[in-house]
Amino acid sequence: MNDRQEVLSTTEARQGSPRRLNLRVLGVSLLIALVAAGGLYTVFYAGNTSISTPDPAPTQPTAPGP
């Protein structure tokens, strides 16, 4: 069994991957978050739906009089 480990210099150990996978994950995650925020905004604030436009408060008392 060969238990030798490769010894890297400080500069070599700090090098990042040239494929930049972390940047891709951050970019895709940000895009998904923006799409989700836009969808929620549309549902709750921009649309004319029952969720975004609640029923108006009644102008007459709803309890029967004496």
N, C-alpha and C. Protein backbone atom coordinates (compact mmCIF):
# COMPACT_ATOMS: atom_id res chain seq x y z
N MET A 1 0.84 -1.18 0.00
CA MET A 1 0.00 0.00 0.00
C MET A 1 0.89 1.24 0.00
N ASN A 2 0.54 2.20 -0.85
CA ASN A 2 1.32 3.43 -0.97
C ASN A 2 0.56 4.55 -0.27
N ASP A 3 1.05 5.01 0.89
CA ASP A 3 0.37 6.03 1.69
C ASP A 3 0.97 7.41 1.50
N ARG A 4 1.69 7.62 0.42
CA ARG A 4 2.31 8.93 0.20
C ARG A 4 1.23 9.93 -0.22
N GLN A 5 1.30 11.10 0.35
CA GLN A 5 0.39 12.17 0.01
C GLN A 5 1.13 13.25 -0.77
N GLU A 6 0.42 13.87 -1.69
CA GLU A 6 1.03 14.93 -2.48
C GLU A 6 1.13 16.19 -1.61
N VAL A 7 2.29 16.80 -1.61
CA VAL A 7 2.51 18.02 -0.84
C VAL A 7 2.39 19.20 -1.79
N LEU A 8 1.48 20.12 -1.46
CA LEU A 8 1.24 21.30 -2.29
C LEU A 8 1.84 22.53 -1.63
N SER A 9 2.29 23.44 -2.47
CA SER A 9 2.75 24.72 -1.93
C SER A 9 1.53 25.54 -1.52
N THR A 10 1.75 26.62 -0.81
CA THR A 10 0.65 27.47 -0.37
C THR A 10 -0.13 28.03 -1.55
N THR A 11 0.56 28.45 -2.59
CA THR A 11 -0.09 29.00 -3.77
C THR A 11 -0.91 27.93 -4.49
N GLU A 12 -0.37 26.73 -4.61
CA GLU A 12 -1.11 25.66 -5.28
C GLU A 12 -2.36 25.26 -4.51
N ALA A 13 -2.27 25.27 -3.19
CA ALA A 13 -3.40 24.87 -2.37
C ALA A 13 -4.54 25.89 -2.44
N ARG A 14 -4.24 27.14 -2.74
CA ARG A 14 -5.26 28.19 -2.79
C ARG A 14 -5.91 28.33 -4.16
N GLN A 15 -5.47 27.61 -5.14
CA GLN A 15 -6.00 27.75 -6.49
C GLN A 15 -7.43 27.25 -6.56
N GLY A 16 -8.27 27.95 -7.29
CA GLY A 16 -9.65 27.54 -7.47
C GLY A 16 -9.80 26.68 -8.71
N SER A 17 -10.96 26.11 -8.84
CA SER A 17 -11.24 25.28 -10.00
C SER A 17 -11.48 26.18 -11.22
N PRO A 18 -10.91 25.86 -12.36
CA PRO A 18 -11.14 26.69 -13.54
C PRO A 18 -12.56 26.55 -14.09
N ARG A 19 -13.30 25.55 -13.63
CA ARG A 19 -14.67 25.37 -14.12
C ARG A 19 -15.65 26.31 -13.43
N ARG A 20 -15.28 26.89 -12.31
CA ARG A 20 -16.08 27.87 -11.56
C ARG A 20 -17.47 27.33 -11.23
N LEU A 21 -17.54 26.14 -10.67
CA LEU A 21 -18.82 25.54 -10.33
C LEU A 21 -19.55 26.33 -9.24
N ASN A 22 -18.82 26.89 -8.29
CA ASN A 22 -19.47 27.68 -7.24
C ASN A 22 -20.17 28.90 -7.82
N LEU A 23 -19.54 29.54 -8.79
CA LEU A 23 -20.14 30.70 -9.43
C LEU A 23 -21.41 30.31 -10.18
N ARG A 24 -21.38 29.16 -10.83
CA ARG A 24 -22.58 28.68 -11.54
C ARG A 24 -23.72 28.42 -10.56
N VAL A 25 -23.42 27.77 -9.45
CA VAL A 25 -24.47 27.47 -8.47
C VAL A 25 -25.04 28.77 -7.90
N LEU A 26 -24.19 29.73 -7.58
CA LEU A 26 -24.68 31.00 -7.06
C LEU A 26 -25.52 31.74 -8.09
N GLY A 27 -25.10 31.73 -9.35
CA GLY A 27 -25.86 32.41 -10.40
C GLY A 27 -27.22 31.78 -10.62
N VAL A 28 -27.27 30.46 -10.69
CA VAL A 28 -28.55 29.77 -10.90
C VAL A 28 -29.46 29.97 -9.69
N SER A 29 -28.92 29.91 -8.49
CA SER A 29 -29.71 30.12 -7.28
C SER A 29 -30.29 31.53 -7.24
N LEU A 30 -29.49 32.50 -7.62
CA LEU A 30 -29.98 33.88 -7.65
C LEU A 30 -31.10 34.04 -8.68
N LEU A 31 -30.94 33.43 -9.84
CA LEU A 31 -31.97 33.49 -10.87
C LEU A 31 -33.27 32.86 -10.38
N ILE A 32 -33.19 31.70 -9.73
CA ILE A 32 -34.38 31.04 -9.20
C ILE A 32 -35.05 31.90 -8.13
N ALA A 33 -34.26 32.52 -7.26
CA ALA A 33 -34.81 33.38 -6.22
C ALA A 33 -35.52 34.59 -6.82
N LEU A 34 -34.96 35.18 -7.87
CA LEU A 34 -35.59 36.33 -8.52
C LEU A 34 -36.91 35.94 -9.20
N VAL A 35 -36.93 34.79 -9.84
CA VAL A 35 -38.16 34.32 -10.48
C VAL A 35 -39.23 34.05 -9.42
N ALA A 36 -38.85 33.43 -8.31
CA ALA A 36 -39.81 33.15 -7.24
C ALA A 36 -40.34 34.46 -6.63
N ALA A 37 -39.46 35.43 -6.41
CA ALA A 37 -39.89 36.72 -5.86
C ALA A 37 -40.83 37.43 -6.84
N GLY A 38 -40.53 37.37 -8.12
CA GLY A 38 -41.41 37.98 -9.12
C GLY A 38 -42.77 37.30 -9.16
N GLY A 39 -42.78 35.98 -9.05
CA GLY A 39 -44.04 35.25 -9.02
C GLY A 39 -44.88 35.61 -7.81
N LEU A 40 -44.24 35.67 -6.64
CA LEU A 40 -44.98 36.05 -5.43
C LEU A 40 -45.50 37.48 -5.52
N TYR A 41 -44.71 38.38 -6.05
CA TYR A 41 -45.16 39.75 -6.22
C TYR A 41 -46.38 39.80 -7.13
N THR A 42 -46.32 39.06 -8.22
CA THR A 42 -47.44 39.05 -9.16
C THR A 42 -48.70 38.52 -8.51
N VAL A 43 -48.59 37.46 -7.74
CA VAL A 43 -49.77 36.86 -7.12
C VAL A 43 -50.36 37.78 -6.06
N PHE A 44 -49.52 38.38 -5.22
CA PHE A 44 -50.04 39.12 -4.08
C PHE A 44 -50.27 40.60 -4.32
N TYR A 45 -49.55 41.23 -5.24
CA TYR A 45 -49.64 42.68 -5.37
C TYR A 45 -50.08 43.16 -6.74
N ALA A 46 -49.66 42.53 -7.79
CA ALA A 46 -49.90 43.07 -9.12
C ALA A 46 -51.17 42.52 -9.76
N GLY A 47 -51.61 41.37 -9.36
CA GLY A 47 -52.77 40.75 -9.99
C GLY A 47 -54.08 41.26 -9.42
N ASN A 48 -55.16 40.95 -10.11
CA ASN A 48 -56.49 41.30 -9.63
C ASN A 48 -57.18 40.00 -9.23
N THR A 49 -56.63 39.35 -8.21
CA THR A 49 -57.15 38.07 -7.77
C THR A 49 -57.76 38.21 -6.39
N SER A 50 -58.42 37.16 -5.92
CA SER A 50 -59.03 37.22 -4.59
C SER A 50 -57.97 37.31 -3.50
N ILE A 51 -56.77 36.84 -3.79
CA ILE A 51 -55.70 36.94 -2.79
C ILE A 51 -55.18 38.37 -2.72
N SER A 52 -54.99 39.01 -3.89
CA SER A 52 -54.40 40.35 -3.89
C SER A 52 -55.44 41.44 -3.64
N THR A 53 -56.71 41.16 -3.85
CA THR A 53 -57.76 42.15 -3.63
C THR A 53 -58.81 41.57 -2.69
N PRO A 54 -58.64 41.75 -1.39
CA PRO A 54 -59.62 41.20 -0.45
C PRO A 54 -60.95 41.93 -0.54
N ASP A 55 -61.99 41.27 -0.04
CA ASP A 55 -63.32 41.89 -0.04
C ASP A 55 -63.29 43.17 0.79
N PRO A 56 -64.00 44.20 0.36
CA PRO A 56 -64.01 45.44 1.14
C PRO A 56 -64.75 45.24 2.46
N ALA A 57 -64.42 46.07 3.42
CA ALA A 57 -65.09 45.99 4.71
C ALA A 57 -66.56 46.38 4.55
N PRO A 58 -67.45 45.74 5.29
CA PRO A 58 -68.87 46.08 5.15
C PRO A 58 -69.14 47.50 5.66
N THR A 59 -70.04 48.18 4.98
CA THR A 59 -70.37 49.55 5.37
C THR A 59 -71.57 49.58 6.32
N GLN A 60 -72.34 48.53 6.36
CA GLN A 60 -73.49 48.42 7.25
C GLN A 60 -73.13 47.48 8.40
N PRO A 61 -73.68 47.70 9.58
CA PRO A 61 -73.44 46.73 10.64
C PRO A 61 -74.04 45.38 10.26
N THR A 62 -73.34 44.33 10.58
CA THR A 62 -73.83 43.00 10.20
C THR A 62 -74.68 42.37 11.29
N ALA A 63 -74.62 42.87 12.51
CA ALA A 63 -75.43 42.31 13.59
C ALA A 63 -76.85 42.88 13.50
N PRO A 64 -77.86 42.05 13.77
CA PRO A 64 -79.24 42.56 13.73
C PRO A 64 -79.48 43.56 14.85
N GLY A 65 -80.36 44.50 14.59
CA GLY A 65 -80.69 45.52 15.59
C GLY A 65 -81.58 44.94 16.69
N PRO A 66 -81.79 45.71 17.75
CA PRO A 66 -82.60 45.21 18.87
C PRO A 66 -84.08 45.11 18.58
